[in-house]
Amino acid sequence: MKKIVALVFSLVLFLSIGLGSVSAAQSTLDETVDGLLGIPYRTAGTTTKGFDCSGFTSYVFDKFGIDLPHSSSSQNKEGFWVDKKDLRKGDLVFFDTSGGNGISHVGIYLGNGEFIHSASDEGIVKSKLSQSYYAKRYVSARRVLWDDIYNQLTAESK
């Protein structure tokens, strides 16, 4: 039932954005996350007043009818594992930022080696996986957007 609701919601969202006028061609996913850039970091934050990393990813995916737990290590158990070379827009990317204690940070892959996340010192920002800090701490990726929803959310708006 949850998948059907997510599919219907995504289709309605996709069609409504597709019928509106958008100056630059962006996908629904891009528009959603770009609208959150600059929101401050807040420990345990789950709203636009402030997000922690997993609160941010949970918030974004909830917009598309996908329920994620509020914990980066728990989110790392959702969907299915994806090899780094096979990353696609919307995949969750996970990092060990706590010195060898396992998954402690999550972001959303945007393509072209870039991901968006809530950084404790910057709030919602885009970063490169190739940045030394993140490259050394990258652990894994998970795919939680099934193909039908992925195709709708990543199609460029007209």
N, C-alpha and C. Protein backbone atom coordinates (compact mmCIF):
# COMPACT_ATOMS: atom_id res chain seq x y z
N MET A 1 0.82 -1.19 0.00
CA MET A 1 0.00 0.00 0.00
C MET A 1 0.87 1.26 0.00
N LYS A 2 1.96 1.23 0.80
CA LYS A 2 2.85 2.39 0.89
C LYS A 2 3.47 2.71 -0.47
N LYS A 3 3.83 1.66 -1.24
CA LYS A 3 4.41 1.88 -2.56
C LYS A 3 3.39 2.49 -3.52
N ILE A 4 2.14 2.06 -3.43
CA ILE A 4 1.08 2.60 -4.30
C ILE A 4 0.85 4.07 -3.98
N VAL A 5 0.77 4.40 -2.69
CA VAL A 5 0.59 5.79 -2.28
C VAL A 5 1.76 6.63 -2.76
N ALA A 6 2.98 6.12 -2.60
CA ALA A 6 4.17 6.86 -3.05
C ALA A 6 4.15 7.06 -4.55
N LEU A 7 3.74 6.04 -5.29
CA LEU A 7 3.69 6.15 -6.74
C LEU A 7 2.65 7.18 -7.17
N VAL A 8 1.46 7.14 -6.59
CA VAL A 8 0.41 8.09 -6.93
C VAL A 8 0.85 9.51 -6.58
N PHE A 9 1.38 9.69 -5.37
CA PHE A 9 1.85 11.00 -4.94
C PHE A 9 2.93 11.53 -5.89
N SER A 10 3.87 10.67 -6.22
CA SER A 10 4.96 11.08 -7.11
C SER A 10 4.45 11.45 -8.49
N LEU A 11 3.50 10.69 -8.99
CA LEU A 11 2.93 10.98 -10.31
C LEU A 11 2.21 12.31 -10.30
N VAL A 12 1.42 12.58 -9.28
CA VAL A 12 0.71 13.85 -9.18
C VAL A 12 1.71 14.99 -9.07
N LEU A 13 2.72 14.83 -8.22
CA LEU A 13 3.74 15.86 -8.06
C LEU A 13 4.48 16.10 -9.36
N PHE A 14 4.85 15.03 -10.02
CA PHE A 14 5.57 15.12 -11.29
C PHE A 14 4.74 15.86 -12.33
N LEU A 15 3.47 15.49 -12.47
CA LEU A 15 2.61 16.12 -13.46
C LEU A 15 2.35 17.58 -13.13
N SER A 16 2.14 17.90 -11.87
CA SER A 16 1.87 19.28 -11.50
C SER A 16 3.08 20.17 -11.75
N ILE A 17 4.26 19.67 -11.49
CA ILE A 17 5.47 20.46 -11.75
C ILE A 17 5.71 20.54 -13.25
N GLY A 18 5.46 19.45 -13.95
CA GLY A 18 5.65 19.43 -15.39
C GLY A 18 4.74 20.41 -16.11
N LEU A 19 3.55 20.70 -15.54
CA LEU A 19 2.62 21.61 -16.18
C LEU A 19 2.90 23.06 -15.81
N GLY A 20 3.62 23.28 -14.74
CA GLY A 20 3.96 24.63 -14.33
C GLY A 20 5.12 25.16 -15.14
N SER A 21 5.44 26.44 -14.95
CA SER A 21 6.57 26.99 -15.70
C SER A 21 7.79 27.04 -14.80
N VAL A 22 8.84 26.44 -15.23
CA VAL A 22 10.10 26.41 -14.51
C VAL A 22 11.16 26.98 -15.43
N SER A 23 11.90 27.98 -14.96
CA SER A 23 12.84 28.65 -15.84
C SER A 23 14.01 27.77 -16.24
N ALA A 24 14.54 26.99 -15.33
CA ALA A 24 15.66 26.10 -15.64
C ALA A 24 15.17 24.66 -15.56
N ALA A 25 15.67 23.82 -16.45
CA ALA A 25 15.27 22.42 -16.43
C ALA A 25 15.91 21.72 -15.24
N GLN A 26 15.09 21.35 -14.29
CA GLN A 26 15.55 20.64 -13.10
C GLN A 26 14.59 19.50 -12.84
N SER A 27 15.09 18.49 -12.15
CA SER A 27 14.21 17.40 -11.77
C SER A 27 13.47 17.77 -10.49
N THR A 28 12.41 17.03 -10.21
CA THR A 28 11.66 17.22 -8.97
C THR A 28 12.57 17.03 -7.76
N LEU A 29 13.43 16.04 -7.81
CA LEU A 29 14.37 15.81 -6.71
C LEU A 29 15.29 17.01 -6.53
N ASP A 30 15.84 17.52 -7.64
CA ASP A 30 16.73 18.69 -7.56
C ASP A 30 16.00 19.89 -6.95
N GLU A 31 14.79 20.15 -7.42
CA GLU A 31 14.02 21.29 -6.91
C GLU A 31 13.75 21.15 -5.43
N THR A 32 13.43 19.95 -5.00
CA THR A 32 13.13 19.71 -3.59
C THR A 32 14.34 19.98 -2.72
N VAL A 33 15.48 19.39 -3.06
CA VAL A 33 16.66 19.55 -2.21
C VAL A 33 17.27 20.95 -2.33
N ASP A 34 17.23 21.53 -3.52
CA ASP A 34 17.78 22.89 -3.68
C ASP A 34 17.01 23.89 -2.83
N GLY A 35 15.72 23.65 -2.63
CA GLY A 35 14.91 24.53 -1.80
C GLY A 35 15.27 24.46 -0.32
N LEU A 36 16.08 23.49 0.05
CA LEU A 36 16.47 23.32 1.45
C LEU A 36 17.89 23.78 1.74
N LEU A 37 18.64 24.16 0.70
CA LEU A 37 20.02 24.61 0.88
C LEU A 37 20.08 25.76 1.87
N GLY A 38 21.07 25.71 2.76
CA GLY A 38 21.29 26.80 3.70
C GLY A 38 20.55 26.66 5.02
N ILE A 39 19.60 25.71 5.11
CA ILE A 39 18.93 25.50 6.39
C ILE A 39 19.98 25.04 7.40
N PRO A 40 19.96 25.59 8.61
CA PRO A 40 21.03 25.27 9.57
C PRO A 40 20.99 23.84 10.08
N TYR A 41 22.13 23.41 10.59
CA TYR A 41 22.23 22.11 11.26
C TYR A 41 21.60 22.24 12.64
N ARG A 42 20.87 21.22 13.04
CA ARG A 42 20.32 21.17 14.39
C ARG A 42 20.36 19.71 14.84
N THR A 43 21.00 19.43 15.95
CA THR A 43 21.05 18.08 16.49
C THR A 43 19.64 17.53 16.65
N ALA A 44 19.42 16.34 16.10
CA ALA A 44 18.11 15.67 16.13
C ALA A 44 17.04 16.42 15.34
N GLY A 45 17.46 17.39 14.52
CA GLY A 45 16.51 18.20 13.77
C GLY A 45 15.85 17.45 12.62
N THR A 46 14.56 17.66 12.46
CA THR A 46 13.79 16.99 11.41
C THR A 46 12.88 17.94 10.65
N THR A 47 13.04 19.25 10.87
CA THR A 47 12.17 20.23 10.22
C THR A 47 13.02 21.31 9.54
N THR A 48 12.34 22.17 8.80
CA THR A 48 13.04 23.25 8.10
C THR A 48 13.60 24.31 9.05
N LYS A 49 13.37 24.16 10.35
CA LYS A 49 14.03 25.02 11.33
C LYS A 49 15.47 24.58 11.55
N GLY A 50 15.77 23.32 11.18
CA GLY A 50 17.11 22.77 11.31
C GLY A 50 17.07 21.27 11.20
N PHE A 51 18.09 20.70 10.53
CA PHE A 51 18.17 19.26 10.30
C PHE A 51 19.50 18.70 10.78
N ASP A 52 19.47 17.48 11.31
CA ASP A 52 20.70 16.71 11.37
C ASP A 52 20.72 15.90 10.07
N CYS A 53 21.76 15.11 9.85
CA CYS A 53 21.90 14.46 8.54
C CYS A 53 20.76 13.50 8.23
N SER A 54 20.41 12.62 9.17
CA SER A 54 19.35 11.65 8.89
C SER A 54 17.97 12.29 8.96
N GLY A 55 17.83 13.35 9.73
CA GLY A 55 16.57 14.10 9.73
C GLY A 55 16.32 14.73 8.37
N PHE A 56 17.39 15.22 7.75
CA PHE A 56 17.29 15.80 6.41
C PHE A 56 16.88 14.75 5.39
N THR A 57 17.58 13.60 5.36
CA THR A 57 17.25 12.58 4.36
C THR A 57 15.85 12.03 4.60
N SER A 58 15.46 11.84 5.86
CA SER A 58 14.11 11.38 6.18
C SER A 58 13.07 12.38 5.67
N TYR A 59 13.32 13.66 5.88
CA TYR A 59 12.41 14.72 5.46
C TYR A 59 12.23 14.71 3.95
N VAL A 60 13.34 14.65 3.21
CA VAL A 60 13.28 14.67 1.75
C VAL A 60 12.52 13.47 1.22
N PHE A 61 12.88 12.28 1.68
CA PHE A 61 12.23 11.08 1.15
C PHE A 61 10.77 10.97 1.58
N ASP A 62 10.43 11.54 2.73
CA ASP A 62 9.03 11.57 3.15
C ASP A 62 8.19 12.37 2.15
N LYS A 63 8.78 13.38 1.54
CA LYS A 63 8.08 14.18 0.52
C LYS A 63 7.65 13.31 -0.66
N PHE A 64 8.33 12.20 -0.85
CA PHE A 64 8.04 11.30 -1.97
C PHE A 64 7.38 10.00 -1.50
N GLY A 65 6.87 10.02 -0.26
CA GLY A 65 6.14 8.86 0.26
C GLY A 65 7.01 7.72 0.72
N ILE A 66 8.28 7.99 0.97
CA ILE A 66 9.20 6.93 1.42
C ILE A 66 9.59 7.21 2.86
N ASP A 67 9.28 6.27 3.74
CA ASP A 67 9.51 6.40 5.16
C ASP A 67 10.89 5.85 5.51
N LEU A 68 11.76 6.71 6.03
CA LEU A 68 13.09 6.30 6.48
C LEU A 68 13.21 6.52 7.98
N PRO A 69 13.93 5.66 8.67
CA PRO A 69 14.15 5.87 10.11
C PRO A 69 15.05 7.08 10.33
N HIS A 70 14.96 7.66 11.54
CA HIS A 70 15.78 8.83 11.86
C HIS A 70 17.08 8.39 12.52
N SER A 71 17.91 7.76 11.72
CA SER A 71 19.24 7.33 12.17
C SER A 71 20.02 6.93 10.92
N SER A 72 21.22 7.47 10.76
CA SER A 72 22.00 7.12 9.57
C SER A 72 22.33 5.63 9.54
N SER A 73 22.65 5.05 10.68
CA SER A 73 22.98 3.62 10.68
C SER A 73 21.75 2.77 10.35
N SER A 74 20.57 3.19 10.78
CA SER A 74 19.34 2.47 10.42
C SER A 74 18.99 2.66 8.95
N GLN A 75 19.21 3.86 8.43
CA GLN A 75 18.94 4.10 7.01
C GLN A 75 19.85 3.24 6.14
N ASN A 76 21.02 2.90 6.65
CA ASN A 76 21.97 2.06 5.92
C ASN A 76 21.49 0.62 5.80
N LYS A 77 20.35 0.31 6.35
CA LYS A 77 19.76 -1.02 6.24
C LYS A 77 18.54 -1.01 5.31
N GLU A 78 18.16 0.15 4.81
CA GLU A 78 16.99 0.28 3.94
C GLU A 78 17.37 0.02 2.49
N GLY A 79 16.38 -0.29 1.66
CA GLY A 79 16.63 -0.49 0.23
C GLY A 79 17.64 -1.58 -0.01
N PHE A 80 18.53 -1.35 -0.98
CA PHE A 80 19.58 -2.33 -1.25
C PHE A 80 20.90 -1.64 -1.53
N TRP A 81 21.98 -2.39 -1.27
CA TRP A 81 23.34 -1.89 -1.42
C TRP A 81 23.64 -1.56 -2.88
N VAL A 82 24.40 -0.48 -3.10
CA VAL A 82 24.80 -0.06 -4.44
C VAL A 82 26.31 0.18 -4.44
N ASP A 83 26.99 -0.34 -5.44
CA ASP A 83 28.42 -0.10 -5.59
C ASP A 83 28.64 1.39 -5.91
N LYS A 84 29.72 1.94 -5.40
CA LYS A 84 30.01 3.36 -5.60
C LYS A 84 30.05 3.74 -7.08
N LYS A 85 30.54 2.85 -7.92
CA LYS A 85 30.63 3.15 -9.36
C LYS A 85 29.26 3.15 -10.03
N ASP A 86 28.24 2.63 -9.35
CA ASP A 86 26.89 2.55 -9.91
C ASP A 86 25.92 3.55 -9.28
N LEU A 87 26.43 4.51 -8.53
CA LEU A 87 25.56 5.50 -7.89
C LEU A 87 24.72 6.24 -8.92
N ARG A 88 23.48 6.52 -8.53
CA ARG A 88 22.62 7.36 -9.36
C ARG A 88 21.90 8.36 -8.44
N LYS A 89 21.41 9.41 -9.06
CA LYS A 89 20.73 10.47 -8.33
C LYS A 89 19.67 9.87 -7.40
N GLY A 90 19.67 10.31 -6.15
CA GLY A 90 18.70 9.85 -5.17
C GLY A 90 19.19 8.74 -4.26
N ASP A 91 20.34 8.15 -4.57
CA ASP A 91 20.89 7.12 -3.69
C ASP A 91 21.37 7.76 -2.38
N LEU A 92 21.23 7.03 -1.30
CA LEU A 92 21.77 7.48 -0.02
C LEU A 92 23.24 7.10 0.05
N VAL A 93 24.09 8.03 0.47
CA VAL A 93 25.52 7.76 0.63
C VAL A 93 25.88 7.89 2.11
N PHE A 94 26.68 6.94 2.60
CA PHE A 94 26.97 6.83 4.03
C PHE A 94 28.46 6.97 4.32
N PHE A 95 28.73 7.56 5.48
CA PHE A 95 30.10 7.86 5.88
C PHE A 95 30.32 7.50 7.34
N ASP A 96 31.58 7.22 7.68
CA ASP A 96 32.00 7.05 9.06
C ASP A 96 32.77 8.31 9.42
N THR A 97 32.09 9.24 10.08
CA THR A 97 32.72 10.50 10.47
C THR A 97 33.08 10.52 11.95
N SER A 98 32.94 9.36 12.60
CA SER A 98 33.18 9.31 14.04
C SER A 98 34.40 8.47 14.40
N GLY A 99 35.32 8.33 13.47
CA GLY A 99 36.59 7.67 13.77
C GLY A 99 36.54 6.16 13.92
N GLY A 100 35.88 5.48 13.01
CA GLY A 100 35.88 4.02 13.03
C GLY A 100 34.76 3.39 13.82
N ASN A 101 33.75 4.17 14.17
CA ASN A 101 32.64 3.64 14.95
C ASN A 101 31.43 3.27 14.10
N GLY A 102 31.62 3.14 12.80
CA GLY A 102 30.51 2.75 11.93
C GLY A 102 29.83 3.94 11.27
N ILE A 103 28.70 3.70 10.68
CA ILE A 103 27.95 4.74 9.96
C ILE A 103 27.55 5.84 10.94
N SER A 104 27.89 7.08 10.57
CA SER A 104 27.54 8.22 11.43
C SER A 104 27.09 9.43 10.64
N HIS A 105 27.03 9.32 9.31
CA HIS A 105 26.60 10.45 8.47
C HIS A 105 25.99 9.92 7.19
N VAL A 106 24.98 10.64 6.67
CA VAL A 106 24.29 10.24 5.44
C VAL A 106 23.96 11.48 4.62
N GLY A 107 23.97 11.30 3.31
CA GLY A 107 23.57 12.35 2.39
C GLY A 107 22.85 11.73 1.20
N ILE A 108 22.42 12.57 0.27
CA ILE A 108 21.71 12.12 -0.93
C ILE A 108 22.58 12.43 -2.14
N TYR A 109 22.88 11.39 -2.90
CA TYR A 109 23.71 11.56 -4.10
C TYR A 109 22.92 12.32 -5.16
N LEU A 110 23.57 13.31 -5.80
CA LEU A 110 22.92 14.15 -6.80
C LEU A 110 23.42 13.91 -8.23
N GLY A 111 24.45 13.09 -8.38
CA GLY A 111 25.05 12.87 -9.69
C GLY A 111 26.33 13.67 -9.82
N ASN A 112 27.12 13.34 -10.81
CA ASN A 112 28.39 14.04 -11.07
C ASN A 112 29.30 14.13 -9.85
N GLY A 113 29.28 13.09 -9.02
CA GLY A 113 30.16 13.06 -7.86
C GLY A 113 29.75 13.96 -6.72
N GLU A 114 28.54 14.49 -6.76
CA GLU A 114 28.09 15.46 -5.77
C GLU A 114 26.96 14.87 -4.92
N PHE A 115 26.93 15.27 -3.65
CA PHE A 115 25.83 14.87 -2.77
C PHE A 115 25.42 16.06 -1.91
N ILE A 116 24.22 15.99 -1.36
CA ILE A 116 23.69 17.04 -0.50
C ILE A 116 23.45 16.43 0.87
N HIS A 117 23.72 17.20 1.91
CA HIS A 117 23.65 16.68 3.27
C HIS A 117 23.59 17.82 4.26
N SER A 118 23.34 17.48 5.52
CA SER A 118 23.36 18.46 6.59
C SER A 118 24.67 18.31 7.35
N ALA A 119 25.57 19.23 7.10
CA ALA A 119 26.89 19.23 7.75
C ALA A 119 26.79 19.99 9.08
N SER A 120 27.38 19.44 10.12
CA SER A 120 27.23 20.03 11.45
C SER A 120 27.76 21.46 11.54
N ASP A 121 28.70 21.82 10.69
CA ASP A 121 29.26 23.17 10.74
C ASP A 121 28.71 24.11 9.66
N GLU A 122 27.89 23.58 8.72
CA GLU A 122 27.41 24.41 7.61
C GLU A 122 25.92 24.33 7.35
N GLY A 123 25.23 23.34 7.87
CA GLY A 123 23.83 23.14 7.54
C GLY A 123 23.72 22.40 6.21
N ILE A 124 22.63 22.61 5.49
CA ILE A 124 22.39 21.89 4.24
C ILE A 124 23.30 22.46 3.15
N VAL A 125 24.19 21.60 2.65
CA VAL A 125 25.16 22.00 1.63
C VAL A 125 25.34 20.87 0.62
N LYS A 126 25.92 21.23 -0.52
CA LYS A 126 26.34 20.25 -1.51
C LYS A 126 27.85 20.08 -1.37
N SER A 127 28.29 18.84 -1.46
CA SER A 127 29.72 18.53 -1.37
C SER A 127 30.07 17.50 -2.43
N LYS A 128 31.35 17.35 -2.68
CA LYS A 128 31.84 16.35 -3.62
C LYS A 128 32.30 15.11 -2.86
N LEU A 129 31.94 13.94 -3.39
CA LEU A 129 32.44 12.70 -2.79
C LEU A 129 33.96 12.64 -2.85
N SER A 130 34.54 13.34 -3.81
CA SER A 130 35.99 13.32 -3.99
C SER A 130 36.74 14.23 -3.01
N GLN A 131 36.02 15.09 -2.27
CA GLN A 131 36.68 15.92 -1.26
C GLN A 131 37.40 14.99 -0.30
N SER A 132 38.60 15.33 0.05
CA SER A 132 39.43 14.48 0.89
C SER A 132 38.69 13.98 2.13
N TYR A 133 38.01 14.88 2.82
CA TYR A 133 37.31 14.50 4.06
C TYR A 133 36.31 13.38 3.81
N TYR A 134 35.49 13.53 2.77
CA TYR A 134 34.44 12.54 2.51
C TYR A 134 34.99 11.30 1.80
N ALA A 135 35.95 11.47 0.94
CA ALA A 135 36.54 10.32 0.25
C ALA A 135 37.14 9.33 1.25
N LYS A 136 37.79 9.84 2.29
CA LYS A 136 38.41 8.98 3.30
C LYS A 136 37.38 8.30 4.20
N ARG A 137 36.20 8.87 4.28
CA ARG A 137 35.20 8.39 5.24
C ARG A 137 34.01 7.68 4.58
N TYR A 138 34.00 7.62 3.25
CA TYR A 138 32.90 6.96 2.54
C TYR A 138 32.85 5.48 2.94
N VAL A 139 31.64 4.98 3.21
CA VAL A 139 31.47 3.57 3.61
C VAL A 139 30.64 2.81 2.59
N SER A 140 29.46 3.33 2.24
CA SER A 140 28.56 2.57 1.38
C SER A 140 27.46 3.46 0.81
N ALA A 141 26.61 2.84 -0.01
CA ALA A 141 25.43 3.53 -0.55
C ALA A 141 24.27 2.55 -0.59
N ARG A 142 23.07 3.10 -0.49
CA ARG A 142 21.85 2.30 -0.54
C ARG A 142 20.88 2.96 -1.51
N ARG A 143 20.15 2.15 -2.22
CA ARG A 143 19.12 2.65 -3.15
C ARG A 143 17.75 2.39 -2.55
N VAL A 144 17.02 3.46 -2.31
CA VAL A 144 15.67 3.35 -1.76
C VAL A 144 14.60 3.84 -2.74
N LEU A 145 15.03 4.44 -3.84
CA LEU A 145 14.09 4.89 -4.88
C LEU A 145 13.97 3.79 -5.92
N TRP A 146 12.82 3.14 -5.96
CA TRP A 146 12.59 2.11 -6.99
C TRP A 146 12.51 2.78 -8.35
N ASP A 147 12.73 2.03 -9.41
CA ASP A 147 12.87 2.57 -10.76
C ASP A 147 11.70 3.46 -11.18
N ASP A 148 10.46 3.07 -10.90
CA ASP A 148 9.33 3.88 -11.34
C ASP A 148 9.33 5.25 -10.68
N ILE A 149 9.58 5.30 -9.37
CA ILE A 149 9.63 6.57 -8.66
C ILE A 149 10.88 7.35 -9.08
N TYR A 150 12.00 6.66 -9.20
CA TYR A 150 13.24 7.30 -9.63
C TYR A 150 13.04 8.01 -10.98
N ASN A 151 12.44 7.34 -11.93
CA ASN A 151 12.23 7.93 -13.26
C ASN A 151 11.38 9.18 -13.20
N GLN A 152 10.38 9.18 -12.34
CA GLN A 152 9.52 10.36 -12.19
C GLN A 152 10.24 11.51 -11.50
N LEU A 153 10.98 11.21 -10.45
CA LEU A 153 11.62 12.26 -9.67
C LEU A 153 12.84 12.85 -10.34
N THR A 154 13.45 12.12 -11.24
CA THR A 154 14.67 12.62 -11.86
C THR A 154 14.46 13.12 -13.28
N ALA A 155 13.25 13.00 -13.80
CA ALA A 155 12.95 13.57 -15.13
C ALA A 155 12.99 15.08 -15.00
N GLU A 156 13.56 15.73 -15.99
CA GLU A 156 13.65 17.18 -15.94
C GLU A 156 12.29 17.81 -16.17
N SER A 157 12.00 18.84 -15.37
CA SER A 157 10.77 19.61 -15.56
C SER A 157 10.92 20.46 -16.80
N LYS A 158 9.84 20.76 -17.42
CA LYS A 158 9.86 21.58 -18.64
C LYS A 158 9.54 23.01 -18.31
